[in-house]
């Protein structure tokens, strides 16, 4: 009977470890008004030097490819 109890305890520990990330995500999602990772910046609303440079590079490469 002791083997069954030990197996049950080990399985309980494995199950707790397996479902801990899901429980943490649910906790964070319900904690911050349905935003699991807190307040995030909306995409595309703020100007960025990196975004401007990437758009210029894409247009430049597109122009080179379009000429061929």
Protein backbone atom coordinates (compact mmCIF):
# COMPACT_ATOMS: atom_id res chain seq x y z
CA UNK A 1 0.00 0.00 0.00
CA UNK A 2 2.94 2.33 0.64
CA UNK A 3 4.01 2.09 -3.01
CA UNK A 4 0.62 3.34 -4.18
CA UNK A 5 0.77 6.34 -1.86
CA UNK A 6 4.31 7.19 -2.97
CA UNK A 7 3.29 6.90 -6.63
CA UNK A 8 0.28 9.13 -5.98
CA UNK A 9 2.45 11.79 -4.32
CA UNK A 10 5.00 11.70 -7.16
CA UNK A 11 2.25 12.01 -9.76
CA UNK A 12 0.73 14.94 -7.84
CA UNK A 13 4.10 16.73 -7.82
CA UNK A 14 4.59 16.12 -11.56
CA UNK A 15 1.07 17.37 -12.33
CA UNK A 16 1.62 20.52 -10.24
CA UNK A 17 4.85 21.25 -12.09
CA UNK A 18 3.22 20.62 -15.47
CA UNK A 19 0.25 22.92 -14.88
CA UNK A 20 2.07 25.69 -12.98
CA UNK A 21 2.73 27.82 -16.13
CA UNK A 22 -0.95 27.64 -17.07
CA UNK A 23 -2.00 28.66 -13.58
CA UNK A 24 0.47 31.54 -13.59
CA UNK A 25 -0.81 32.78 -16.95
CA UNK A 26 -4.43 32.63 -15.76
CA UNK A 27 -3.45 34.49 -12.59
CA UNK A 28 -1.67 37.27 -14.52
CA UNK A 29 -4.50 37.49 -17.07
CA UNK A 30 -7.18 38.01 -14.43
CA UNK A 31 -5.02 40.28 -12.24
CA UNK A 32 -4.32 43.22 -14.59
CA UNK A 33 -7.78 43.81 -16.10
CA UNK A 34 -7.51 41.11 -18.74
CA UNK A 35 -4.00 42.08 -19.84
CA UNK A 36 -1.69 39.15 -19.08
CA UNK A 37 1.54 41.11 -19.41
CA UNK A 38 0.41 44.47 -18.08
CA UNK A 39 0.17 47.64 -20.11
CA UNK A 40 1.75 47.27 -23.52
CA UNK A 41 2.35 49.85 -26.21
CA UNK A 42 0.07 49.59 -29.24
CA UNK A 43 1.92 48.75 -32.43
CA UNK A 44 2.34 51.37 -35.12
CA UNK A 45 1.12 54.33 -33.09
CA UNK A 46 4.43 55.80 -32.03
CA UNK A 47 7.16 57.05 -34.39
CA UNK A 48 10.44 55.21 -34.16
CA UNK A 49 13.83 55.75 -35.76
CA UNK A 50 14.24 52.01 -36.27
CA UNK A 51 10.83 51.72 -37.95
CA UNK A 52 11.63 54.66 -40.24
CA UNK A 53 14.97 53.15 -41.22
CA UNK A 54 13.35 49.76 -41.87
CA UNK A 55 10.68 51.35 -44.09
CA UNK A 56 13.34 53.22 -46.08
CA UNK A 57 15.38 50.01 -46.50
CA UNK A 58 12.33 48.08 -47.68
CA UNK A 59 11.44 50.78 -50.18
CA UNK A 60 15.06 50.92 -51.41
CA UNK A 61 15.30 47.16 -51.87
CA UNK A 62 11.87 47.09 -53.47
CA UNK A 63 13.00 49.76 -55.91
CA UNK A 64 16.13 47.78 -56.82
CA UNK A 65 14.18 44.58 -57.32
CA UNK A 66 11.48 46.37 -59.32
CA UNK A 67 14.02 47.76 -61.81
CA UNK A 68 15.21 44.31 -62.87
